[in-house]
Amino acid sequence: MESKENVENIEVAVADAKPKKTSKPKKAKKEIKITLIKSACSSKPNQRKTVEALGLKKLNTSKVVEDSEAIRGMIFTVKHLVKVEEL
């Protein structure tokens, strides 16, 4: 059996071994502005649904969204219908 001193030393060592919380600086999330410049009514169905999913309903409407790979893929699908500006 271990003595009380050994148990106390082990408890102190375990308490000291816990990782300390450090705050990392948060990266500023980039945003992009998407503007519908051409109608999607004569486009393919998947392009119409993509424009709708981006939140664009009428011509010259704009939407500011967070820049991500998913959004970039959607923009690529309808690149001939929209104008993109980085903010």
PDB file of N, CA and C in Angstrom:
ATOM      1  N   MET A   1       0.832  -1.176   0.000  1.00  0.00           N
ATOM      2  CA  MET A   1       0.000   0.000   0.000  1.00  0.00           C
ATOM      3  C   MET A   1       0.877   1.240   0.000  1.00  0.00           C
ATOM      4  N   GLU A   2       0.359   2.270  -0.644  1.00  0.00           N
ATOM      5  CA  GLU A   2       1.108   3.517  -0.708  1.00  0.00           C
ATOM      6  C   GLU A   2       0.866   4.329   0.555  1.00  0.00           C
ATOM      7  N   SER A   3       1.875   5.038   0.920  1.00  0.00           N
ATOM      8  CA  SER A   3       1.717   5.875   2.107  1.00  0.00           C
ATOM      9  C   SER A   3       0.938   7.131   1.742  1.00  0.00           C
ATOM     10  N   LYS A   4       0.474   7.833   2.747  1.00  0.00           N
ATOM     11  CA  LYS A   4      -0.321   9.042   2.518  1.00  0.00           C
ATOM     12  C   LYS A   4       0.497  10.126   1.829  1.00  0.00           C
ATOM     13  N   GLU A   5       1.788  10.173   2.112  1.00  0.00           N
ATOM     14  CA  GLU A   5       2.640  11.189   1.500  1.00  0.00           C
ATOM     15  C   GLU A   5       2.741  10.971  -0.015  1.00  0.00           C
ATOM     16  N   ASN A   6       2.895   9.720  -0.424  1.00  0.00           N
ATOM     17  CA  ASN A   6       2.967   9.428  -1.858  1.00  0.00           C
ATOM     18  C   ASN A   6       1.667   9.782  -2.566  1.00  0.00           C
ATOM     19  N   VAL A   7       0.540   9.471  -1.944  1.00  0.00           N
ATOM     20  CA  VAL A   7      -0.756   9.781  -2.526  1.00  0.00           C
ATOM     21  C   VAL A   7      -0.924  11.295  -2.664  1.00  0.00           C
ATOM     22  N   GLU A   8      -0.514  12.042  -1.648  1.00  0.00           N
ATOM     23  CA  GLU A   8      -0.627  13.501  -1.693  1.00  0.00           C
ATOM     24  C   GLU A   8       0.280  14.072  -2.778  1.00  0.00           C
ATOM     25  N   ASN A   9       1.474  13.533  -2.918  1.00  0.00           N
ATOM     26  CA  ASN A   9       2.392  14.002  -3.952  1.00  0.00           C
ATOM     27  C   ASN A   9       1.831  13.735  -5.346  1.00  0.00           C
ATOM     28  N   ILE A  10       1.212  12.571  -5.516  1.00  0.00           N
ATOM     29  CA  ILE A  10       0.631  12.233  -6.809  1.00  0.00           C
ATOM     30  C   ILE A  10      -0.544  13.166  -7.117  1.00  0.00           C
ATOM     31  N   GLU A  11      -1.379  13.463  -6.113  1.00  0.00           N
ATOM     32  CA  GLU A  11      -2.519  14.353  -6.318  1.00  0.00           C
ATOM     33  C   GLU A  11      -2.050  15.756  -6.696  1.00  0.00           C
ATOM     34  N   VAL A  12      -1.004  16.230  -6.073  1.00  0.00           N
ATOM     35  CA  VAL A  12      -0.461  17.554  -6.381  1.00  0.00           C
ATOM     36  C   VAL A  12       0.110  17.561  -7.795  1.00  0.00           C
ATOM     37  N   ALA A  13       0.800  16.501  -8.184  1.00  0.00           N
ATOM     38  CA  ALA A  13       1.383  16.420  -9.516  1.00  0.00           C
ATOM     39  C   ALA A  13       0.294  16.400 -10.588  1.00  0.00           C
ATOM     40  N   VAL A  14      -0.778  15.678 -10.335  1.00  0.00           N
ATOM     41  CA  VAL A  14      -1.883  15.605 -11.285  1.00  0.00           C
ATOM     42  C   VAL A  14      -2.578  16.963 -11.387  1.00  0.00           C
ATOM     43  N   ALA A  15      -2.758  17.646 -10.271  1.00  0.00           N
ATOM     44  CA  ALA A  15      -3.391  18.956 -10.283  1.00  0.00           C
ATOM     45  C   ALA A  15      -2.550  19.966 -11.066  1.00  0.00           C
ATOM     46  N   ASP A  16      -1.240  19.880 -10.974  1.00  0.00           N
ATOM     47  CA  ASP A  16      -0.350  20.796 -11.690  1.00  0.00           C
ATOM     48  C   ASP A  16      -0.271  20.461 -13.180  1.00  0.00           C
ATOM     49  N   ALA A  17      -0.577  19.231 -13.552  1.00  0.00           N
ATOM     50  CA  ALA A  17      -0.417  18.789 -14.927  1.00  0.00           C
ATOM     51  C   ALA A  17      -1.584  19.196 -15.831  1.00  0.00           C
ATOM     52  N   LYS A  18      -2.651  19.773 -15.294  1.00  0.00           N
ATOM     53  CA  LYS A  18      -3.795  20.167 -16.113  1.00  0.00           C
ATOM     54  C   LYS A  18      -3.380  21.286 -17.068  1.00  0.00           C
ATOM     55  N   PRO A  19      -3.814  21.214 -18.300  1.00  0.00           N
ATOM     56  CA  PRO A  19      -3.441  22.259 -19.256  1.00  0.00           C
ATOM     57  C   PRO A  19      -4.093  23.588 -18.890  1.00  0.00           C
ATOM     58  N   LYS A  20      -3.341  24.634 -19.085  1.00  0.00           N
ATOM     59  CA  LYS A  20      -3.856  25.962 -18.788  1.00  0.00           C
ATOM     60  C   LYS A  20      -4.603  26.481 -20.005  1.00  0.00           C
ATOM     61  N   LYS A  21      -5.668  27.196 -19.755  1.00  0.00           N
ATOM     62  CA  LYS A  21      -6.456  27.754 -20.836  1.00  0.00           C
ATOM     63  C   LYS A  21      -5.782  29.024 -21.341  1.00  0.00           C
ATOM     64  N   THR A  22      -5.586  29.078 -22.618  1.00  0.00           N
ATOM     65  CA  THR A  22      -5.019  30.273 -23.226  1.00  0.00           C
ATOM     66  C   THR A  22      -6.006  30.785 -24.260  1.00  0.00           C
ATOM     67  N   SER A  23      -6.157  32.059 -24.313  1.00  0.00           N
ATOM     68  CA  SER A  23      -7.080  32.623 -25.286  1.00  0.00           C
ATOM     69  C   SER A  23      -6.314  32.965 -26.553  1.00  0.00           C
ATOM     70  N   LYS A  24      -6.759  32.386 -27.650  1.00  0.00           N
ATOM     71  CA  LYS A  24      -6.142  32.649 -28.935  1.00  0.00           C
ATOM     72  C   LYS A  24      -6.873  33.820 -29.581  1.00  0.00           C
ATOM     73  N   PRO A  25      -6.149  34.653 -30.270  1.00  0.00           N
ATOM     74  CA  PRO A  25      -6.831  35.756 -30.946  1.00  0.00           C
ATOM     75  C   PRO A  25      -7.728  35.214 -32.059  1.00  0.00           C
ATOM     76  N   LYS A  26      -8.948  35.703 -32.095  1.00  0.00           N
ATOM     77  CA  LYS A  26      -9.893  35.222 -33.096  1.00  0.00           C
ATOM     78  C   LYS A  26      -9.618  35.913 -34.423  1.00  0.00           C
ATOM     79  N   LYS A  27      -9.701  35.124 -35.478  1.00  0.00           N
ATOM     80  CA  LYS A  27      -9.513  35.674 -36.805  1.00  0.00           C
ATOM     81  C   LYS A  27     -10.800  36.391 -37.220  1.00  0.00           C
ATOM     82  N   ALA A  28     -10.629  37.515 -37.850  1.00  0.00           N
ATOM     83  CA  ALA A  28     -11.792  38.237 -38.357  1.00  0.00           C
ATOM     84  C   ALA A  28     -12.362  37.449 -39.535  1.00  0.00           C
ATOM     85  N   LYS A  29     -13.631  37.139 -39.457  1.00  0.00           N
ATOM     86  CA  LYS A  29     -14.258  36.370 -40.522  1.00  0.00           C
ATOM     87  C   LYS A  29     -14.505  37.280 -41.716  1.00  0.00           C
ATOM     88  N   LYS A  30     -14.084  36.822 -42.865  1.00  0.00           N
ATOM     89  CA  LYS A  30     -14.262  37.610 -44.075  1.00  0.00           C
ATOM     90  C   LYS A  30     -15.708  37.505 -44.539  1.00  0.00           C
ATOM     91  N   GLU A  31     -16.166  38.587 -45.118  1.00  0.00           N
ATOM     92  CA  GLU A  31     -17.511  38.614 -45.653  1.00  0.00           C
ATOM     93  C   GLU A  31     -17.446  39.018 -47.119  1.00  0.00           C
ATOM     94  N   ILE A  32     -18.415  38.537 -47.873  1.00  0.00           N
ATOM     95  CA  ILE A  32     -18.502  38.912 -49.275  1.00  0.00           C
ATOM     96  C   ILE A  32     -19.916  39.394 -49.574  1.00  0.00           C
ATOM     97  N   LYS A  33     -20.003  40.300 -50.521  1.00  0.00           N
ATOM     98  CA  LYS A  33     -21.294  40.846 -50.933  1.00  0.00           C
ATOM     99  C   LYS A  33     -21.611  40.274 -52.304  1.00  0.00           C
ATOM    100  N   ILE A  34     -22.774  39.628 -52.411  1.00  0.00           N
ATOM    101  CA  ILE A  34     -23.202  39.003 -53.652  1.00  0.00           C
ATOM    102  C   ILE A  34     -24.392  39.784 -54.193  1.00  0.00           C
ATOM    103  N   THR A  35     -24.325  40.192 -55.450  1.00  0.00           N
ATOM    104  CA  THR A  35     -25.401  40.950 -56.082  1.00  0.00           C
ATOM    105  C   THR A  35     -25.881  40.200 -57.314  1.00  0.00           C
ATOM    106  N   LEU A  36     -27.179  40.027 -57.423  1.00  0.00           N
ATOM    107  CA  LEU A  36     -27.768  39.368 -58.596  1.00  0.00           C
ATOM    108  C   LEU A  36     -27.867  40.386 -59.724  1.00  0.00           C
ATOM    109  N   ILE A  37     -27.152  40.158 -60.813  1.00  0.00           N
ATOM    110  CA  ILE A  37     -27.134  41.122 -61.916  1.00  0.00           C
ATOM    111  C   ILE A  37     -27.859  40.619 -63.156  1.00  0.00           C
ATOM    112  N   LYS A  38     -28.196  39.340 -63.184  1.00  0.00           N
ATOM    113  CA  LYS A  38     -28.896  38.771 -64.328  1.00  0.00           C
ATOM    114  C   LYS A  38     -29.958  37.804 -63.813  1.00  0.00           C
ATOM    115  N   SER A  39     -31.097  37.780 -64.455  1.00  0.00           N
ATOM    116  CA  SER A  39     -32.207  36.943 -64.016  1.00  0.00           C
ATOM    117  C   SER A  39     -31.880  35.458 -64.167  1.00  0.00           C
ATOM    118  N   ALA A  40     -32.407  34.678 -63.239  1.00  0.00           N
ATOM    119  CA  ALA A  40     -32.170  33.243 -63.248  1.00  0.00           C
ATOM    120  C   ALA A  40     -33.354  32.464 -63.808  1.00  0.00           C
ATOM    121  N   CYS A  41     -34.364  33.167 -64.313  1.00  0.00           N
ATOM    122  CA  CYS A  41     -35.580  32.467 -64.736  1.00  0.00           C
ATOM    123  C   CYS A  41     -35.367  31.581 -65.960  1.00  0.00           C
ATOM    124  N   SER A  42     -34.417  31.890 -66.829  1.00  0.00           N
ATOM    125  CA  SER A  42     -34.185  31.039 -67.998  1.00  0.00           C
ATOM    126  C   SER A  42     -32.972  30.131 -67.811  1.00  0.00           C
ATOM    127  N   SER A  43     -32.515  30.016 -66.563  1.00  0.00           N
ATOM    128  CA  SER A  43     -31.353  29.175 -66.258  1.00  0.00           C
ATOM    129  C   SER A  43     -31.781  27.756 -65.942  1.00  0.00           C
ATOM    130  N   LYS A  44     -30.803  26.901 -65.746  1.00  0.00           N
ATOM    131  CA  LYS A  44     -31.075  25.518 -65.366  1.00  0.00           C
ATOM    132  C   LYS A  44     -31.683  25.487 -63.960  1.00  0.00           C
ATOM    133  N   PRO A  45     -32.449  24.444 -63.650  1.00  0.00           N
ATOM    134  CA  PRO A  45     -33.099  24.363 -62.334  1.00  0.00           C
ATOM    135  C   PRO A  45     -32.131  24.416 -61.156  1.00  0.00           C
ATOM    136  N   ASN A  46     -30.972  23.771 -61.288  1.00  0.00           N
ATOM    137  CA  ASN A  46     -30.035  23.802 -60.163  1.00  0.00           C
ATOM    138  C   ASN A  46     -29.470  25.208 -59.951  1.00  0.00           C
ATOM    139  N   GLN A  47     -29.336  25.993 -61.022  1.00  0.00           N
ATOM    140  CA  GLN A  47     -28.856  27.366 -60.883  1.00  0.00           C
ATOM    141  C   GLN A  47     -29.915  28.255 -60.249  1.00  0.00           C
ATOM    142  N   ARG A  48     -31.173  28.035 -60.589  1.00  0.00           N
ATOM    143  CA  ARG A  48     -32.263  28.797 -59.961  1.00  0.00           C
ATOM    144  C   ARG A  48     -32.324  28.517 -58.461  1.00  0.00           C
ATOM    145  N   LYS A  49     -32.183  27.252 -58.104  1.00  0.00           N
ATOM    146  CA  LYS A  49     -32.213  26.880 -56.689  1.00  0.00           C
ATOM    147  C   LYS A  49     -31.007  27.443 -55.938  1.00  0.00           C
ATOM    148  N   THR A  50     -29.864  27.511 -56.598  1.00  0.00           N
ATOM    149  CA  THR A  50     -28.664  28.063 -55.975  1.00  0.00           C
ATOM    150  C   THR A  50     -28.835  29.552 -55.703  1.00  0.00           C
ATOM    151  N   VAL A  51     -29.393  30.281 -56.670  1.00  0.00           N
ATOM    152  CA  VAL A  51     -29.640  31.718 -56.484  1.00  0.00           C
ATOM    153  C   VAL A  51     -30.602  31.924 -55.320  1.00  0.00           C
ATOM    154  N   GLU A  52     -31.621  31.099 -55.246  1.00  0.00           N
ATOM    155  CA  GLU A  52     -32.590  31.186 -54.152  1.00  0.00           C
ATOM    156  C   GLU A  52     -31.931  30.864 -52.810  1.00  0.00           C
ATOM    157  N   ALA A  53     -31.057  29.869 -52.806  1.00  0.00           N
ATOM    158  CA  ALA A  53     -30.371  29.477 -51.570  1.00  0.00           C
ATOM    159  C   ALA A  53     -29.405  30.561 -51.089  1.00  0.00           C
ATOM    160  N   LEU A  54     -28.876  31.340 -52.011  1.00  0.00           N
ATOM    161  CA  LEU A  54     -28.014  32.458 -51.637  1.00  0.00           C
ATOM    162  C   LEU A  54     -28.818  33.620 -51.065  1.00  0.00           C
ATOM    163  N   GLY A  55     -30.134  33.570 -51.200  1.00  0.00           N
ATOM    164  CA  GLY A  55     -30.994  34.610 -50.639  1.00  0.00           C
ATOM    165  C   GLY A  55     -31.248  35.755 -51.591  1.00  0.00           C
ATOM    166  N   LEU A  56     -31.035  35.518 -52.880  1.00  0.00           N
ATOM    167  CA  LEU A  56     -31.244  36.559 -53.885  1.00  0.00           C
ATOM    168  C   LEU A  56     -32.562  36.294 -54.596  1.00  0.00           C
ATOM    169  N   LYS A  57     -33.468  37.295 -54.584  1.00  0.00           N
ATOM    170  CA  LYS A  57     -34.782  37.078 -55.164  1.00  0.00           C
ATOM    171  C   LYS A  57     -35.029  37.927 -56.402  1.00  0.00           C
ATOM    172  N   LYS A  58     -34.670  39.196 -56.333  1.00  0.00           N
ATOM    173  CA  LYS A  58     -34.921  40.100 -57.449  1.00  0.00           C
ATOM    174  C   LYS A  58     -33.604  40.606 -58.008  1.00  0.00           C
ATOM    175  N   LEU A  59     -33.658  41.160 -59.203  1.00  0.00           N
ATOM    176  CA  LEU A  59     -32.467  41.748 -59.807  1.00  0.00           C
ATOM    177  C   LEU A  59     -31.936  42.887 -58.935  1.00  0.00           C
ATOM    178  N   ASN A  60     -30.641  43.017 -58.918  1.00  0.00           N
ATOM    179  CA  ASN A  60     -29.920  44.057 -58.175  1.00  0.00           C
ATOM    180  C   ASN A  60     -30.093  43.975 -56.663  1.00  0.00           C
ATOM    181  N   THR A  61     -30.562  42.839 -56.163  1.00  0.00           N
ATOM    182  CA  THR A  61     -30.584  42.658 -54.710  1.00  0.00           C
ATOM    183  C   THR A  61     -29.220  42.130 -54.279  1.00  0.00           C
ATOM    184  N   SER A  62     -28.806  42.525 -53.092  1.00  0.00           N
ATOM    185  CA  SER A  62     -27.499  42.121 -52.578  1.00  0.00           C
ATOM    186  C   SER A  62     -27.657  41.405 -51.258  1.00  0.00           C
ATOM    187  N   LYS A  63     -26.692  40.575 -50.973  1.00  0.00           N
ATOM    188  CA  LYS A  63     -26.681  39.831 -49.721  1.00  0.00           C
ATOM    189  C   LYS A  63     -25.235  39.770 -49.238  1.00  0.00           C
ATOM    190  N   VAL A  64     -25.008  40.084 -47.962  1.00  0.00           N
ATOM    191  CA  VAL A  64     -23.679  39.971 -47.379  1.00  0.00           C
ATOM    192  C   VAL A  64     -23.640  38.662 -46.605  1.00  0.00           C
ATOM    193  N   VAL A  65     -22.712  37.789 -46.979  1.00  0.00           N
ATOM    194  CA  VAL A  65     -22.603  36.475 -46.348  1.00  0.00           C
ATOM    195  C   VAL A  65     -21.165  36.225 -45.926  1.00  0.00           C
ATOM    196  N   GLU A  66     -21.001  35.289 -45.008  1.00  0.00           N
ATOM    197  CA  GLU A  66     -19.665  34.894 -44.556  1.00  0.00           C
ATOM    198  C   GLU A  66     -18.973  34.097 -45.657  1.00  0.00           C
ATOM    199  N   ASP A  67     -17.711  34.395 -45.872  1.00  0.00           N
ATOM    200  CA  ASP A  67     -16.950  33.722 -46.918  1.00  0.00           C
ATOM    201  C   ASP A  67     -16.578  32.317 -46.456  1.00  0.00           C
ATOM    202  N   SER A  68     -17.021  31.318 -47.205  1.00  0.00           N
ATOM    203  CA  SER A  68     -16.683  29.930 -46.891  1.00  0.00           C
ATOM    204  C   SER A  68     -16.588  29.154 -48.204  1.00  0.00           C
ATOM    205  N   GLU A  69     -16.086  27.959 -48.106  1.00  0.00           N
ATOM    206  CA  GLU A  69     -15.934  27.135 -49.309  1.00  0.00           C
ATOM    207  C   GLU A  69     -17.293  26.781 -49.909  1.00  0.00           C
ATOM    208  N   ALA A  70     -18.279  26.553 -49.062  1.00  0.00           N
ATOM    209  CA  ALA A  70     -19.605  26.206 -49.551  1.00  0.00           C
ATOM    210  C   ALA A  70     -20.212  27.361 -50.342  1.00  0.00           C
ATOM    211  N   ILE A  71     -20.082  28.563 -49.811  1.00  0.00           N
ATOM    212  CA  ILE A  71     -20.608  29.740 -50.502  1.00  0.00           C
ATOM    213  C   ILE A  71     -19.848  29.970 -51.806  1.00  0.00           C
ATOM    214  N   ARG A  72     -18.519  29.786 -51.767  1.00  0.00           N
ATOM    215  CA  ARG A  72     -17.719  29.950 -52.982  1.00  0.00           C
ATOM    216  C   ARG A  72     -18.149  28.957 -54.062  1.00  0.00           C
ATOM    217  N   GLY A  73     -18.488  27.740 -53.673  1.00  0.00           N
ATOM    218  CA  GLY A  73     -18.970  26.751 -54.630  1.00  0.00           C
ATOM    219  C   GLY A  73     -20.301  27.146 -55.237  1.00  0.00           C
ATOM    220  N   MET A  74     -21.175  27.717 -54.408  1.00  0.00           N
ATOM    221  CA  MET A  74     -22.470  28.182 -54.903  1.00  0.00           C
ATOM    222  C   MET A  74     -22.276  29.342 -55.888  1.00  0.00           C
ATOM    223  N   ILE A  75     -21.356  30.235 -55.555  1.00  0.00           N
ATOM    224  CA  ILE A  75     -21.081  31.361 -56.437  1.00  0.00           C
ATOM    225  C   ILE A  75     -20.521  30.870 -57.765  1.00  0.00           C
ATOM    226  N   PHE A  76     -19.655  29.864 -57.721  1.00  0.00           N
ATOM    227  CA  PHE A  76     -19.086  29.310 -58.946  1.00  0.00           C
ATOM    228  C   PHE A  76     -20.175  28.751 -59.855  1.00  0.00           C
ATOM    229  N   THR A  77     -21.202  28.172 -59.255  1.00  0.00           N
ATOM    230  CA  THR A  77     -22.301  27.601 -60.036  1.00  0.00           C
ATOM    231  C   THR A  77     -23.060  28.676 -60.806  1.00  0.00           C
ATOM    232  N   VAL A  78     -23.196  29.860 -60.214  1.00  0.00           N
ATOM    233  CA  VAL A  78     -23.977  30.927 -60.845  1.00  0.00           C
ATOM    234  C   VAL A  78     -23.121  32.162 -61.124  1.00  0.00           C
ATOM    235  N   LYS A  79     -21.861  31.955 -61.433  1.00  0.00           N
ATOM    236  CA  LYS A  79     -20.929  33.079 -61.606  1.00  0.00           C
ATOM    237  C   LYS A  79     -21.333  34.018 -62.742  1.00  0.00           C
ATOM    238  N   HIS A  80     -22.087  33.523 -63.715  1.00  0.00           N
ATOM    239  CA  HIS A  80     -22.520  34.364 -64.831  1.00  0.00           C
ATOM    240  C   HIS A  80     -23.751  35.198 -64.476  1.00  0.00           C
ATOM    241  N   LEU A  81     -24.349  34.947 -63.319  1.00  0.00           N
ATOM    242  CA  LEU A  81     -25.554  35.669 -62.901  1.00  0.00           C
ATOM    243  C   LEU A  81     -25.307  36.671 -61.780  1.00  0.00           C
ATOM    244  N   VAL A  82     -24.173  36.567 -61.101  1.00  0.00           N
ATOM    245  CA  VAL A  82     -23.935  37.397 -59.921  1.00  0.00           C
ATOM    246  C   VAL A  82     -22.633  38.189 -60.030  1.00  0.00           C
ATOM    247  N   LYS A  83     -22.549  39.226 -59.199  1.00  0.00           N
ATOM    248  CA  LYS A  83     -21.333  40.010 -59.055  1.00  0.00           C
ATOM    249  C   LYS A  83     -20.901  39.859 -57.603  1.00  0.00           C
ATOM    250  N   VAL A  84     -19.605  39.626 -57.373  1.00  0.00           N
ATOM    251  CA  VAL A  84     -19.099  39.362 -56.028  1.00  0.00           C
ATOM    252  C   VAL A  84     -18.093  40.438 -55.648  1.00  0.00           C
ATOM    253  N   GLU A  85     -18.248  40.972 -54.426  1.00  0.00           N
ATOM    254  CA  GLU A  85     -17.312  41.960 -53.882  1.00  0.00           C
ATOM    255  C   GLU A  85     -16.856  41.481 -52.517  1.00  0.00           C
ATOM    256  N   GLU A  86     -15.562  41.557 -52.253  1.00  0.00           N
ATOM    257  CA  GLU A  86     -15.038  41.193 -50.953  1.00  0.00           C
ATOM    258  C   GLU A  86     -15.080  42.411 -50.041  1.00  0.00           C
ATOM    259  N   LEU A  87     -15.531  42.215 -48.814  1.00  0.00           N
ATOM    260  CA  LEU A  87     -15.596  43.312 -47.848  1.00  0.00           C
ATOM    261  C   LEU A  87     -14.465  43.221 -46.854  1.00  0.00           C
TER     262      LEU A  87
END
